[in-house]
Amino acid sequence: MSISIGDIDIANEIVELHFQLHKTQLLLDKIILKVSEEGVFLTKEDVTTAENMALDYVSKKFPNMGIKKK
């Protein structure tokens, strides 16, 4: 069961926001670590790793939501 406002599924929106926030936090942590190494940028691998870690995070936080990569 979920609550919708208009055509927005509130539960799914909350999960998506948690995912995006955690991914952003992980990427920011990597940027802070790399900023001291002049000329080093985040790689696609870094972003993919952060996305996978964030997905794992929200999957554990909301185990009954059946969360998986699209």
N, C-alpha and C. Protein backbone atom coordinates (compact mmCIF):
# COMPACT_ATOMS: atom_id res chain seq x y z
N MET A 1 0.83 -1.17 0.00
CA MET A 1 0.00 0.00 0.00
C MET A 1 0.88 1.24 0.00
N SER A 2 0.53 2.19 -0.82
CA SER A 2 1.29 3.43 -0.80
C SER A 2 0.35 4.61 -0.93
N ILE A 3 0.85 5.75 -0.56
CA ILE A 3 0.07 6.97 -0.63
C ILE A 3 0.52 7.75 -1.85
N SER A 4 -0.45 8.23 -2.60
CA SER A 4 -0.14 9.05 -3.78
C SER A 4 -0.78 10.42 -3.62
N ILE A 5 -0.08 11.39 -4.11
CA ILE A 5 -0.63 12.74 -4.22
C ILE A 5 -0.58 13.06 -5.70
N GLY A 6 -1.75 13.25 -6.30
CA GLY A 6 -1.80 13.37 -7.75
C GLY A 6 -1.32 12.06 -8.33
N ASP A 7 -0.34 12.13 -9.21
CA ASP A 7 0.22 10.90 -9.78
C ASP A 7 1.59 10.57 -9.18
N ILE A 8 1.91 11.16 -8.03
CA ILE A 8 3.21 10.93 -7.39
C ILE A 8 3.06 9.92 -6.26
N ASP A 9 3.81 8.83 -6.34
CA ASP A 9 3.85 7.80 -5.30
C ASP A 9 4.84 8.28 -4.24
N ILE A 10 4.32 8.68 -3.10
CA ILE A 10 5.14 9.29 -2.05
C ILE A 10 6.22 8.33 -1.55
N ALA A 11 5.89 7.07 -1.33
CA ALA A 11 6.88 6.11 -0.83
C ALA A 11 8.06 5.98 -1.80
N ASN A 12 7.76 5.86 -3.09
CA ASN A 12 8.84 5.74 -4.08
C ASN A 12 9.67 7.02 -4.16
N GLU A 13 9.03 8.16 -4.02
CA GLU A 13 9.76 9.44 -4.04
C GLU A 13 10.71 9.53 -2.85
N ILE A 14 10.27 9.08 -1.69
CA ILE A 14 11.13 9.11 -0.50
C ILE A 14 12.34 8.21 -0.71
N VAL A 15 12.12 7.00 -1.24
CA VAL A 15 13.22 6.08 -1.49
C VAL A 15 14.20 6.70 -2.49
N GLU A 16 13.69 7.28 -3.57
CA GLU A 16 14.54 7.91 -4.58
C GLU A 16 15.36 9.04 -3.97
N LEU A 17 14.75 9.83 -3.11
CA LEU A 17 15.48 10.92 -2.46
C LEU A 17 16.58 10.39 -1.54
N HIS A 18 16.29 9.33 -0.80
CA HIS A 18 17.32 8.71 0.04
C HIS A 18 18.48 8.22 -0.82
N PHE A 19 18.17 7.59 -1.95
CA PHE A 19 19.20 7.09 -2.86
C PHE A 19 20.07 8.24 -3.37
N GLN A 20 19.43 9.29 -3.88
CA GLN A 20 20.17 10.42 -4.44
C GLN A 20 21.01 11.12 -3.39
N LEU A 21 20.47 11.28 -2.20
CA LEU A 21 21.20 11.94 -1.12
C LEU A 21 22.43 11.13 -0.73
N HIS A 22 22.25 9.84 -0.54
CA HIS A 22 23.39 9.01 -0.13
C HIS A 22 24.45 8.95 -1.23
N LYS A 23 24.04 8.86 -2.48
CA LYS A 23 24.98 8.88 -3.60
C LYS A 23 25.77 10.18 -3.59
N THR A 24 25.08 11.29 -3.39
CA THR A 24 25.73 12.60 -3.35
C THR A 24 26.73 12.67 -2.21
N GLN A 25 26.36 12.14 -1.06
CA GLN A 25 27.28 12.13 0.08
C GLN A 25 28.54 11.33 -0.23
N LEU A 26 28.36 10.17 -0.84
CA LEU A 26 29.51 9.33 -1.17
C LEU A 26 30.42 10.01 -2.20
N LEU A 27 29.82 10.64 -3.21
CA LEU A 27 30.62 11.35 -4.22
C LEU A 27 31.35 12.54 -3.60
N LEU A 28 30.70 13.26 -2.74
CA LEU A 28 31.35 14.38 -2.08
C LEU A 28 32.53 13.92 -1.24
N ASP A 29 32.38 12.81 -0.54
CA ASP A 29 33.49 12.25 0.24
C ASP A 29 34.68 11.95 -0.67
N LYS A 30 34.41 11.37 -1.85
CA LYS A 30 35.50 11.07 -2.79
C LYS A 30 36.15 12.34 -3.31
N ILE A 31 35.35 13.35 -3.62
CA ILE A 31 35.89 14.62 -4.11
C ILE A 31 36.80 15.25 -3.06
N ILE A 32 36.36 15.25 -1.82
CA ILE A 32 37.17 15.83 -0.74
C ILE A 32 38.50 15.10 -0.62
N LEU A 33 38.48 13.77 -0.75
CA LEU A 33 39.72 13.00 -0.66
C LEU A 33 40.66 13.30 -1.83
N LYS A 34 40.09 13.51 -3.02
CA LYS A 34 40.90 13.70 -4.22
C LYS A 34 41.32 15.14 -4.46
N VAL A 35 40.68 16.09 -3.78
CA VAL A 35 40.95 17.50 -4.06
C VAL A 35 42.41 17.88 -3.78
N SER A 36 43.03 17.17 -2.85
CA SER A 36 44.43 17.47 -2.54
C SER A 36 45.38 17.00 -3.65
N GLU A 37 44.92 16.11 -4.49
CA GLU A 37 45.71 15.63 -5.61
C GLU A 37 45.33 16.44 -6.85
N GLU A 38 46.03 17.51 -7.09
CA GLU A 38 45.68 18.42 -8.18
C GLU A 38 45.54 17.67 -9.50
N GLY A 39 44.48 17.99 -10.22
CA GLY A 39 44.25 17.41 -11.54
C GLY A 39 43.61 16.05 -11.54
N VAL A 40 43.22 15.55 -10.40
CA VAL A 40 42.57 14.24 -10.33
C VAL A 40 41.06 14.46 -10.27
N PHE A 41 40.34 13.79 -11.13
CA PHE A 41 38.90 13.95 -11.20
C PHE A 41 38.22 12.62 -10.92
N LEU A 42 36.93 12.70 -10.59
CA LEU A 42 36.16 11.49 -10.41
C LEU A 42 36.06 10.73 -11.73
N THR A 43 36.14 9.44 -11.63
CA THR A 43 36.00 8.61 -12.82
C THR A 43 34.57 8.09 -12.90
N LYS A 44 34.22 7.56 -14.06
CA LYS A 44 32.90 6.94 -14.22
C LYS A 44 32.77 5.77 -13.24
N GLU A 45 33.89 5.10 -13.00
CA GLU A 45 33.90 3.99 -12.04
C GLU A 45 33.54 4.48 -10.63
N ASP A 46 34.06 5.66 -10.24
CA ASP A 46 33.73 6.23 -8.94
C ASP A 46 32.23 6.47 -8.82
N VAL A 47 31.64 7.04 -9.86
CA VAL A 47 30.20 7.33 -9.86
C VAL A 47 29.40 6.04 -9.81
N THR A 48 29.79 5.05 -10.60
CA THR A 48 29.09 3.76 -10.61
C THR A 48 29.19 3.09 -9.25
N THR A 49 30.36 3.12 -8.64
CA THR A 49 30.54 2.54 -7.32
C THR A 49 29.64 3.23 -6.30
N ALA A 50 29.59 4.56 -6.35
CA ALA A 50 28.74 5.32 -5.43
C ALA A 50 27.27 4.96 -5.64
N GLU A 51 26.86 4.85 -6.90
CA GLU A 51 25.47 4.48 -7.19
C GLU A 51 25.15 3.10 -6.64
N ASN A 52 26.05 2.15 -6.84
CA ASN A 52 25.83 0.79 -6.34
C ASN A 52 25.77 0.75 -4.82
N MET A 53 26.66 1.51 -4.17
CA MET A 53 26.66 1.57 -2.71
C MET A 53 25.39 2.23 -2.20
N ALA A 54 24.94 3.28 -2.88
CA ALA A 54 23.71 3.97 -2.48
C ALA A 54 22.50 3.05 -2.68
N LEU A 55 22.50 2.31 -3.77
CA LEU A 55 21.41 1.37 -4.03
C LEU A 55 21.37 0.30 -2.94
N ASP A 56 22.52 -0.21 -2.56
CA ASP A 56 22.60 -1.19 -1.48
C ASP A 56 22.08 -0.58 -0.17
N TYR A 57 22.45 0.67 0.07
CA TYR A 57 22.03 1.39 1.27
C TYR A 57 20.50 1.49 1.35
N VAL A 58 19.87 1.97 0.27
CA VAL A 58 18.41 2.12 0.32
C VAL A 58 17.71 0.77 0.29
N SER A 59 18.31 -0.23 -0.34
CA SER A 59 17.72 -1.58 -0.33
C SER A 59 17.67 -2.13 1.08
N LYS A 60 18.72 -1.85 1.86
CA LYS A 60 18.74 -2.31 3.26
C LYS A 60 17.84 -1.45 4.13
N LYS A 61 17.77 -0.16 3.85
CA LYS A 61 16.95 0.74 4.64
C LYS A 61 15.46 0.47 4.43
N PHE A 62 15.09 0.09 3.20
CA PHE A 62 13.69 -0.19 2.86
C PHE A 62 13.59 -1.60 2.27
N PRO A 63 13.79 -2.63 3.10
CA PRO A 63 13.87 -4.00 2.59
C PRO A 63 12.58 -4.52 1.94
N ASN A 64 11.45 -3.98 2.30
CA ASN A 64 10.18 -4.47 1.76
C ASN A 64 9.76 -3.79 0.47
N MET A 65 10.60 -2.90 -0.06
CA MET A 65 10.24 -2.14 -1.26
C MET A 65 10.64 -2.84 -2.56
N GLY A 66 11.42 -3.91 -2.48
CA GLY A 66 11.85 -4.60 -3.70
C GLY A 66 12.72 -3.72 -4.60
N ILE A 67 13.60 -2.97 -3.99
CA ILE A 67 14.42 -2.00 -4.72
C ILE A 67 15.52 -2.71 -5.50
N LYS A 68 15.65 -2.34 -6.78
CA LYS A 68 16.74 -2.86 -7.61
C LYS A 68 17.01 -1.87 -8.73
N LYS A 69 18.16 -2.03 -9.36
CA LYS A 69 18.56 -1.15 -10.44
C LYS A 69 17.62 -1.29 -11.63
N LYS A 70 17.28 -0.15 -12.23
CA LYS A 70 16.39 -0.17 -13.40
C LYS A 70 17.16 -0.55 -14.64
